[in-house]
Amino acid sequence: MDAKRDRATTAGGKTLPRAALKYENLRTLSAVVPVVALLIAGAVWVTIDWVVFVALWILLPLCVLSALIDIVVVNRLQFRAYRYTIDRSTVEIRHGLFWRSRTTMSTVQILSVDVVQGPLLRSCGLASIVFRTVGGTIKLGPVTPDTAEGIRAQVMRAPETGPR
């Protein structure tokens, strides 16, 4: 009975916008490009044959292959697995493929809600939400800036309207 309810809960909830997948793919590329550039530079400037061999024929293909797998498979699966639900009394975030995580926090215990937009998020038209509680911080998103502001307003208003 609990497994059925858990599956139904996981299937429900809001999903991330399609631009979030583009953002994750750009993050993957921004991590791989400098590593590939360093490997190529190291292979060009170092005169030891085994360093060139390891850098160009082993590490470089591994970096490119891992980035391709990340972009084509992993990011898509993580994007599909991400769900969040926000109501008057709780915020619930569910994500993960192999190690599934479900974070639930009471809106009464949320101290602040920050809407964050770095340069890469801004270029994709997205924003992240950071919930600060006594126990630490929890991140949601990325979502559209309008959605982020709506969530911030809803969560910060919730303790005022909730029962005391």
N, C-alpha and C. Protein backbone atom coordinates (compact mmCIF):
# COMPACT_ATOMS: atom_id res chain seq x y z
N MET A 1 0.82 -1.19 0.00
CA MET A 1 0.00 0.00 0.00
C MET A 1 0.87 1.26 0.00
N ASP A 2 1.91 1.29 0.86
CA ASP A 2 2.79 2.46 0.91
C ASP A 2 3.58 2.62 -0.37
N ALA A 3 3.98 1.51 -1.00
CA ALA A 3 4.74 1.59 -2.24
C ALA A 3 3.89 2.22 -3.35
N LYS A 4 2.60 1.87 -3.40
CA LYS A 4 1.71 2.48 -4.40
C LYS A 4 1.60 3.98 -4.16
N ARG A 5 1.41 4.36 -2.91
CA ARG A 5 1.27 5.78 -2.60
C ARG A 5 2.57 6.53 -2.90
N ASP A 6 3.71 5.89 -2.60
CA ASP A 6 5.00 6.52 -2.86
C ASP A 6 5.21 6.73 -4.36
N ARG A 7 4.85 5.72 -5.20
CA ARG A 7 4.96 5.87 -6.64
C ARG A 7 4.05 6.96 -7.15
N ALA A 8 2.85 7.05 -6.60
CA ALA A 8 1.91 8.08 -7.03
C ALA A 8 2.43 9.47 -6.67
N THR A 9 3.02 9.59 -5.49
CA THR A 9 3.59 10.87 -5.07
C THR A 9 4.76 11.25 -5.97
N THR A 10 5.62 10.28 -6.32
CA THR A 10 6.76 10.54 -7.17
C THR A 10 6.32 10.97 -8.56
N ALA A 11 5.26 10.37 -9.05
CA ALA A 11 4.77 10.71 -10.39
C ALA A 11 4.19 12.12 -10.42
N GLY A 12 3.65 12.59 -9.29
CA GLY A 12 3.05 13.91 -9.24
C GLY A 12 4.08 14.99 -9.01
N GLY A 13 3.60 16.20 -8.93
CA GLY A 13 4.48 17.32 -8.68
C GLY A 13 4.82 18.05 -9.96
N LYS A 14 5.44 19.19 -9.78
CA LYS A 14 5.82 20.02 -10.92
C LYS A 14 7.20 19.60 -11.41
N THR A 15 7.42 19.79 -12.70
CA THR A 15 8.71 19.47 -13.30
C THR A 15 9.46 20.76 -13.62
N LEU A 16 10.72 20.60 -13.95
CA LEU A 16 11.53 21.75 -14.33
C LEU A 16 11.21 22.15 -15.77
N PRO A 17 11.43 23.41 -16.11
CA PRO A 17 11.20 23.83 -17.51
C PRO A 17 12.25 23.20 -18.43
N ARG A 18 11.94 23.12 -19.70
CA ARG A 18 12.83 22.49 -20.69
C ARG A 18 14.20 23.20 -20.73
N ALA A 19 14.22 24.48 -20.46
CA ALA A 19 15.50 25.22 -20.48
C ALA A 19 16.46 24.72 -19.40
N ALA A 20 15.94 24.04 -18.37
CA ALA A 20 16.81 23.49 -17.32
C ALA A 20 17.73 22.41 -17.87
N LEU A 21 17.24 21.65 -18.85
CA LEU A 21 18.08 20.64 -19.49
C LEU A 21 19.21 21.31 -20.28
N LYS A 22 18.87 22.36 -20.98
CA LYS A 22 19.89 23.13 -21.72
C LYS A 22 20.93 23.68 -20.75
N TYR A 23 20.49 24.19 -19.62
CA TYR A 23 21.39 24.72 -18.60
C TYR A 23 22.34 23.63 -18.09
N GLU A 24 21.82 22.44 -17.79
CA GLU A 24 22.67 21.36 -17.29
C GLU A 24 23.68 20.92 -18.36
N ASN A 25 23.25 20.90 -19.62
CA ASN A 25 24.18 20.55 -20.70
C ASN A 25 25.29 21.60 -20.84
N LEU A 26 24.94 22.87 -20.70
CA LEU A 26 25.95 23.93 -20.74
C LEU A 26 26.91 23.83 -19.56
N ARG A 27 26.40 23.46 -18.40
CA ARG A 27 27.27 23.25 -17.23
C ARG A 27 28.25 22.12 -17.48
N THR A 28 27.77 21.05 -18.09
CA THR A 28 28.66 19.93 -18.42
C THR A 28 29.76 20.39 -19.37
N LEU A 29 29.38 21.11 -20.42
CA LEU A 29 30.37 21.59 -21.37
C LEU A 29 31.35 22.56 -20.74
N SER A 30 30.86 23.43 -19.86
CA SER A 30 31.75 24.41 -19.22
C SER A 30 32.74 23.74 -18.27
N ALA A 31 32.43 22.53 -17.82
CA ALA A 31 33.37 21.79 -16.98
C ALA A 31 34.38 21.01 -17.82
N VAL A 32 33.95 20.52 -18.98
CA VAL A 32 34.81 19.67 -19.79
C VAL A 32 35.77 20.46 -20.67
N VAL A 33 35.33 21.57 -21.22
CA VAL A 33 36.16 22.34 -22.16
C VAL A 33 37.49 22.76 -21.54
N PRO A 34 37.53 23.31 -20.33
CA PRO A 34 38.84 23.67 -19.76
C PRO A 34 39.75 22.46 -19.54
N VAL A 35 39.17 21.33 -19.15
CA VAL A 35 39.98 20.13 -18.92
C VAL A 35 40.59 19.66 -20.24
N VAL A 36 39.77 19.63 -21.29
CA VAL A 36 40.27 19.23 -22.61
C VAL A 36 41.36 20.20 -23.07
N ALA A 37 41.14 21.48 -22.88
CA ALA A 37 42.15 22.47 -23.28
C ALA A 37 43.46 22.26 -22.52
N LEU A 38 43.38 21.98 -21.23
CA LEU A 38 44.60 21.72 -20.44
C LEU A 38 45.31 20.45 -20.91
N LEU A 39 44.53 19.42 -21.22
CA LEU A 39 45.15 18.18 -21.71
C LEU A 39 45.89 18.41 -23.03
N ILE A 40 45.26 19.14 -23.94
CA ILE A 40 45.90 19.42 -25.23
C ILE A 40 47.13 20.30 -25.04
N ALA A 41 47.01 21.33 -24.20
CA ALA A 41 48.16 22.21 -23.94
C ALA A 41 49.30 21.43 -23.30
N GLY A 42 48.97 20.57 -22.35
CA GLY A 42 50.01 19.76 -21.71
C GLY A 42 50.69 18.83 -22.69
N ALA A 43 49.91 18.26 -23.59
CA ALA A 43 50.49 17.34 -24.58
C ALA A 43 51.37 18.09 -25.58
N VAL A 44 51.01 19.32 -25.89
CA VAL A 44 51.79 20.11 -26.85
C VAL A 44 53.10 20.60 -26.23
N TRP A 45 53.06 21.05 -24.98
CA TRP A 45 54.23 21.67 -24.37
C TRP A 45 55.16 20.69 -23.66
N VAL A 46 54.67 19.53 -23.31
CA VAL A 46 55.54 18.57 -22.62
C VAL A 46 56.21 17.71 -23.69
N THR A 47 57.50 17.49 -23.52
CA THR A 47 58.25 16.76 -24.54
C THR A 47 58.40 15.27 -24.23
N ILE A 48 57.84 14.81 -23.14
CA ILE A 48 57.96 13.40 -22.77
C ILE A 48 56.87 12.62 -23.53
N ASP A 49 57.26 11.57 -24.23
CA ASP A 49 56.34 10.83 -25.09
C ASP A 49 55.18 10.18 -24.33
N TRP A 50 55.44 9.61 -23.15
CA TRP A 50 54.36 8.93 -22.44
C TRP A 50 53.31 9.91 -21.93
N VAL A 51 53.69 11.15 -21.62
CA VAL A 51 52.72 12.16 -21.19
C VAL A 51 51.78 12.51 -22.34
N VAL A 52 52.35 12.68 -23.52
CA VAL A 52 51.54 12.98 -24.71
C VAL A 52 50.60 11.82 -25.00
N PHE A 53 51.10 10.61 -24.91
CA PHE A 53 50.27 9.44 -25.17
C PHE A 53 49.10 9.37 -24.20
N VAL A 54 49.39 9.51 -22.90
CA VAL A 54 48.34 9.42 -21.88
C VAL A 54 47.34 10.56 -22.05
N ALA A 55 47.83 11.75 -22.27
CA ALA A 55 46.94 12.91 -22.38
C ALA A 55 46.07 12.84 -23.62
N LEU A 56 46.66 12.59 -24.77
CA LEU A 56 45.90 12.65 -26.02
C LEU A 56 45.14 11.37 -26.36
N TRP A 57 45.70 10.23 -26.02
CA TRP A 57 45.08 8.98 -26.46
C TRP A 57 44.27 8.27 -25.38
N ILE A 58 44.39 8.67 -24.14
CA ILE A 58 43.61 8.03 -23.08
C ILE A 58 42.68 9.03 -22.40
N LEU A 59 43.24 10.09 -21.82
CA LEU A 59 42.43 11.03 -21.04
C LEU A 59 41.49 11.89 -21.89
N LEU A 60 41.98 12.38 -23.02
CA LEU A 60 41.16 13.22 -23.88
C LEU A 60 39.91 12.49 -24.39
N PRO A 61 40.03 11.28 -24.95
CA PRO A 61 38.82 10.57 -25.37
C PRO A 61 37.88 10.24 -24.20
N LEU A 62 38.46 9.93 -23.03
CA LEU A 62 37.62 9.65 -21.86
C LEU A 62 36.82 10.89 -21.44
N CYS A 63 37.44 12.05 -21.46
CA CYS A 63 36.73 13.30 -21.12
C CYS A 63 35.60 13.57 -22.10
N VAL A 64 35.90 13.44 -23.39
CA VAL A 64 34.88 13.70 -24.41
C VAL A 64 33.76 12.69 -24.31
N LEU A 65 34.09 11.42 -24.13
CA LEU A 65 33.07 10.37 -24.02
C LEU A 65 32.20 10.57 -22.79
N SER A 66 32.81 10.91 -21.67
CA SER A 66 32.01 11.12 -20.45
C SER A 66 31.10 12.33 -20.61
N ALA A 67 31.56 13.37 -21.28
CA ALA A 67 30.70 14.54 -21.51
C ALA A 67 29.53 14.18 -22.42
N LEU A 68 29.79 13.40 -23.45
CA LEU A 68 28.71 12.98 -24.35
C LEU A 68 27.68 12.12 -23.63
N ILE A 69 28.14 11.19 -22.81
CA ILE A 69 27.22 10.35 -22.04
C ILE A 69 26.41 11.21 -21.08
N ASP A 70 27.07 12.17 -20.45
CA ASP A 70 26.38 13.07 -19.53
C ASP A 70 25.29 13.86 -20.25
N ILE A 71 25.61 14.42 -21.41
CA ILE A 71 24.67 15.26 -22.14
C ILE A 71 23.53 14.43 -22.74
N VAL A 72 23.86 13.31 -23.34
CA VAL A 72 22.85 12.52 -24.05
C VAL A 72 21.99 11.69 -23.11
N VAL A 73 22.57 11.16 -22.04
CA VAL A 73 21.82 10.22 -21.20
C VAL A 73 21.55 10.77 -19.80
N VAL A 74 22.60 11.04 -19.05
CA VAL A 74 22.46 11.33 -17.62
C VAL A 74 21.65 12.60 -17.36
N ASN A 75 21.98 13.69 -18.03
CA ASN A 75 21.25 14.95 -17.79
C ASN A 75 19.77 14.80 -18.12
N ARG A 76 19.46 14.08 -19.20
CA ARG A 76 18.05 13.87 -19.56
C ARG A 76 17.30 13.07 -18.50
N LEU A 77 17.93 12.01 -18.01
CA LEU A 77 17.28 11.19 -16.99
C LEU A 77 17.10 11.96 -15.68
N GLN A 78 18.11 12.74 -15.30
CA GLN A 78 17.97 13.54 -14.09
C GLN A 78 16.90 14.60 -14.25
N PHE A 79 16.81 15.19 -15.42
CA PHE A 79 15.79 16.19 -15.71
C PHE A 79 14.39 15.58 -15.55
N ARG A 80 14.21 14.38 -16.08
CA ARG A 80 12.90 13.71 -15.99
C ARG A 80 12.56 13.28 -14.56
N ALA A 81 13.58 13.00 -13.76
CA ALA A 81 13.34 12.50 -12.41
C ALA A 81 13.09 13.61 -11.38
N TYR A 82 13.30 14.85 -11.74
CA TYR A 82 13.20 15.97 -10.79
C TYR A 82 11.75 16.43 -10.67
N ARG A 83 11.22 16.45 -9.46
CA ARG A 83 9.86 16.90 -9.18
C ARG A 83 9.87 17.73 -7.90
N TYR A 84 8.97 18.69 -7.85
CA TYR A 84 8.81 19.45 -6.61
C TYR A 84 7.33 19.78 -6.41
N THR A 85 6.95 19.86 -5.15
CA THR A 85 5.59 20.19 -4.77
C THR A 85 5.64 21.23 -3.66
N ILE A 86 4.85 22.27 -3.82
CA ILE A 86 4.81 23.32 -2.80
C ILE A 86 3.35 23.58 -2.47
N ASP A 87 3.02 23.45 -1.19
CA ASP A 87 1.67 23.80 -0.76
C ASP A 87 1.79 24.75 0.43
N ARG A 88 0.69 24.97 1.11
CA ARG A 88 0.66 25.95 2.19
C ARG A 88 1.59 25.62 3.34
N SER A 89 1.78 24.33 3.60
CA SER A 89 2.54 23.97 4.80
C SER A 89 3.89 23.30 4.52
N THR A 90 4.13 22.80 3.31
CA THR A 90 5.38 22.10 3.06
C THR A 90 5.95 22.40 1.67
N VAL A 91 7.24 22.18 1.57
CA VAL A 91 7.95 22.19 0.29
C VAL A 91 8.60 20.82 0.18
N GLU A 92 8.34 20.13 -0.92
CA GLU A 92 8.92 18.80 -1.12
C GLU A 92 9.65 18.79 -2.46
N ILE A 93 10.90 18.30 -2.42
CA ILE A 93 11.74 18.21 -3.61
C ILE A 93 12.18 16.76 -3.75
N ARG A 94 11.94 16.17 -4.92
CA ARG A 94 12.32 14.79 -5.19
C ARG A 94 13.21 14.76 -6.43
N HIS A 95 14.35 14.07 -6.31
CA HIS A 95 15.26 13.97 -7.45
C HIS A 95 16.16 12.76 -7.27
N GLY A 96 16.86 12.43 -8.34
CA GLY A 96 17.82 11.33 -8.30
C GLY A 96 17.41 10.17 -9.16
N LEU A 97 18.41 9.50 -9.70
CA LEU A 97 18.18 8.32 -10.54
C LEU A 97 18.41 7.05 -9.75
N PHE A 98 19.62 6.87 -9.28
CA PHE A 98 19.96 5.67 -8.54
C PHE A 98 19.82 5.88 -7.05
N TRP A 99 20.27 7.04 -6.57
CA TRP A 99 20.11 7.41 -5.18
C TRP A 99 19.02 8.48 -5.13
N ARG A 100 17.83 8.03 -4.93
CA ARG A 100 16.70 8.95 -4.93
C ARG A 100 16.65 9.71 -3.61
N SER A 101 16.34 10.96 -3.73
CA SER A 101 16.30 11.83 -2.56
C SER A 101 14.95 12.54 -2.51
N ARG A 102 14.37 12.57 -1.34
CA ARG A 102 13.13 13.31 -1.14
C ARG A 102 13.31 14.19 0.08
N THR A 103 13.31 15.49 -0.15
CA THR A 103 13.49 16.47 0.92
C THR A 103 12.16 17.16 1.17
N THR A 104 11.71 17.13 2.40
CA THR A 104 10.47 17.79 2.78
C THR A 104 10.78 18.75 3.93
N MET A 105 10.33 19.98 3.76
CA MET A 105 10.53 20.95 4.84
C MET A 105 9.24 21.71 5.07
N SER A 106 9.01 22.03 6.30
CA SER A 106 7.84 22.80 6.67
C SER A 106 8.09 24.27 6.32
N THR A 107 7.10 24.93 5.75
CA THR A 107 7.27 26.34 5.40
C THR A 107 7.48 27.20 6.64
N VAL A 108 7.00 26.75 7.78
CA VAL A 108 7.18 27.50 9.03
C VAL A 108 8.66 27.54 9.42
N GLN A 109 9.41 26.51 9.05
CA GLN A 109 10.81 26.42 9.43
C GLN A 109 11.76 27.10 8.43
N ILE A 110 11.23 27.61 7.34
CA ILE A 110 12.07 28.29 6.35
C ILE A 110 12.31 29.73 6.80
N LEU A 111 13.58 30.08 6.97
CA LEU A 111 13.94 31.41 7.44
C LEU A 111 13.96 32.44 6.32
N SER A 112 14.50 32.04 5.17
CA SER A 112 14.54 32.96 4.03
C SER A 112 14.52 32.17 2.73
N VAL A 113 14.12 32.85 1.69
CA VAL A 113 14.10 32.27 0.35
C VAL A 113 14.83 33.23 -0.58
N ASP A 114 15.91 32.75 -1.18
CA ASP A 114 16.70 33.57 -2.09
C ASP A 114 16.48 33.09 -3.53
N VAL A 115 16.29 34.03 -4.43
CA VAL A 115 16.23 33.73 -5.86
C VAL A 115 17.58 34.11 -6.44
N VAL A 116 18.29 33.13 -7.02
CA VAL A 116 19.66 33.33 -7.47
C VAL A 116 19.73 33.15 -8.98
N GLN A 117 20.42 34.08 -9.65
CA GLN A 117 20.64 34.00 -11.09
C GLN A 117 22.09 34.33 -11.39
N GLY A 118 22.88 33.31 -11.66
CA GLY A 118 24.25 33.55 -12.12
C GLY A 118 24.23 33.85 -13.61
N PRO A 119 25.39 34.10 -14.18
CA PRO A 119 25.44 34.43 -15.61
C PRO A 119 24.91 33.32 -16.52
N LEU A 120 25.24 32.08 -16.20
CA LEU A 120 24.78 30.97 -17.03
C LEU A 120 23.27 30.77 -16.88
N LEU A 121 22.77 30.86 -15.66
CA LEU A 121 21.32 30.77 -15.45
C LEU A 121 20.60 31.89 -16.18
N ARG A 122 21.13 33.10 -16.06
CA ARG A 122 20.51 34.25 -16.71
C ARG A 122 20.48 34.08 -18.23
N SER A 123 21.56 33.55 -18.80
CA SER A 123 21.61 33.36 -20.25
C SER A 123 20.59 32.33 -20.73
N CYS A 124 20.19 31.42 -19.86
CA CYS A 124 19.17 30.42 -20.20
C CYS A 124 17.78 30.87 -19.79
N GLY A 125 17.67 32.04 -19.18
CA GLY A 125 16.36 32.54 -18.74
C GLY A 125 15.83 31.78 -17.54
N LEU A 126 16.72 31.43 -16.61
CA LEU A 126 16.35 30.62 -15.44
C LEU A 126 16.83 31.26 -14.15
N ALA A 127 16.34 30.72 -13.06
CA ALA A 127 16.78 31.14 -11.72
C ALA A 127 16.69 29.93 -10.80
N SER A 128 17.52 29.92 -9.77
CA SER A 128 17.46 28.88 -8.74
C SER A 128 16.90 29.49 -7.47
N ILE A 129 16.30 28.65 -6.66
CA ILE A 129 15.74 29.09 -5.39
C ILE A 129 16.53 28.40 -4.28
N VAL A 130 16.96 29.18 -3.30
CA VAL A 130 17.69 28.64 -2.16
C VAL A 130 16.86 28.90 -0.91
N PHE A 131 16.44 27.81 -0.26
CA PHE A 131 15.69 27.89 0.99
C PHE A 131 16.69 27.79 2.13
N ARG A 132 16.66 28.74 3.04
CA ARG A 132 17.54 28.71 4.20
C ARG A 132 16.71 28.36 5.44
N THR A 133 17.15 27.30 6.11
CA THR A 133 16.50 26.87 7.33
C THR A 133 17.55 26.84 8.43
N VAL A 134 17.12 26.53 9.64
CA VAL A 134 18.06 26.43 10.75
C VAL A 134 19.06 25.31 10.47
N GLY A 135 18.62 24.25 9.80
CA GLY A 135 19.47 23.11 9.52
C GLY A 135 20.41 23.27 8.34
N GLY A 136 20.25 24.31 7.53
CA GLY A 136 21.11 24.49 6.38
C GLY A 136 20.36 25.09 5.20
N THR A 137 20.90 24.85 4.01
CA THR A 137 20.27 25.39 2.81
C THR A 137 19.85 24.25 1.89
N ILE A 138 18.77 24.48 1.17
CA ILE A 138 18.26 23.51 0.21
C ILE A 138 17.96 24.26 -1.07
N LYS A 139 18.43 23.69 -2.19
CA LYS A 139 18.29 24.35 -3.49
C LYS A 139 17.17 23.70 -4.29
N LEU A 140 16.40 24.52 -4.98
CA LEU A 140 15.36 24.04 -5.89
C LEU A 140 15.60 24.67 -7.25
N GLY A 141 15.51 23.88 -8.27
CA GLY A 141 15.56 24.45 -9.61
C GLY A 141 16.69 23.92 -10.43
N PRO A 142 16.87 24.54 -11.55
CA PRO A 142 16.45 25.87 -11.96
C PRO A 142 15.03 25.89 -12.53
N VAL A 143 14.38 27.02 -12.31
CA VAL A 143 13.03 27.29 -12.81
C VAL A 143 13.04 28.66 -13.48
N THR A 144 11.92 29.03 -14.08
CA THR A 144 11.85 30.36 -14.69
C THR A 144 11.85 31.42 -13.60
N PRO A 145 12.32 32.63 -13.87
CA PRO A 145 12.33 33.68 -12.86
C PRO A 145 10.94 34.00 -12.30
N ASP A 146 9.91 33.97 -13.15
CA ASP A 146 8.55 34.23 -12.68
C ASP A 146 8.10 33.15 -11.70
N THR A 147 8.40 31.90 -12.03
CA THR A 147 8.06 30.79 -11.13
C THR A 147 8.82 30.93 -9.82
N ALA A 148 10.09 31.29 -9.90
CA ALA A 148 10.91 31.45 -8.69
C ALA A 148 10.33 32.54 -7.78
N GLU A 149 9.96 33.66 -8.36
CA GLU A 149 9.37 34.74 -7.55
C GLU A 149 8.03 34.32 -6.96
N GLY A 150 7.24 33.57 -7.73
CA GLY A 150 5.96 33.07 -7.23
C GLY A 150 6.15 32.11 -6.06
N ILE A 151 7.13 31.22 -6.17
CA ILE A 151 7.43 30.28 -5.08
C ILE A 151 7.92 31.04 -3.86
N ARG A 152 8.81 32.01 -4.07
CA ARG A 152 9.32 32.81 -2.95
C ARG A 152 8.18 33.49 -2.22
N ALA A 153 7.29 34.13 -2.97
CA ALA A 153 6.17 34.84 -2.36
C ALA A 153 5.24 33.87 -1.62
N GLN A 154 4.98 32.72 -2.24
CA GLN A 154 4.08 31.73 -1.63
C GLN A 154 4.66 31.17 -0.34
N VAL A 155 5.94 30.83 -0.35
CA VAL A 155 6.56 30.23 0.82
C VAL A 155 6.72 31.25 1.95
N MET A 156 7.09 32.47 1.62
CA MET A 156 7.29 33.47 2.67
C MET A 156 5.96 33.96 3.24
N ARG A 157 4.89 33.84 2.49
CA ARG A 157 3.57 34.22 2.96
C ARG A 157 2.94 33.11 3.80
N ALA A 158 3.32 31.86 3.57
CA ALA A 158 2.69 30.70 4.20
C ALA A 158 2.68 30.74 5.74
N PRO A 159 3.78 31.07 6.40
CA PRO A 159 3.75 31.08 7.87
C PRO A 159 2.76 32.11 8.44
N GLU A 160 2.56 33.20 7.72
CA GLU A 160 1.63 34.22 8.21
C GLU A 160 0.18 33.74 8.16
N THR A 161 -0.15 32.95 7.13
CA THR A 161 -1.51 32.50 6.97
C THR A 161 -1.78 31.16 7.61
N GLY A 162 -0.72 30.43 8.00
CA GLY A 162 -0.88 29.10 8.58
C GLY A 162 -1.33 29.17 10.03
N PRO A 163 -1.77 28.03 10.60
CA PRO A 163 -2.21 27.99 12.00
C PRO A 163 -1.04 28.17 12.95
N ARG A 164 -1.27 28.78 14.07
CA ARG A 164 -0.24 29.00 15.09
C ARG A 164 -0.53 28.17 16.31
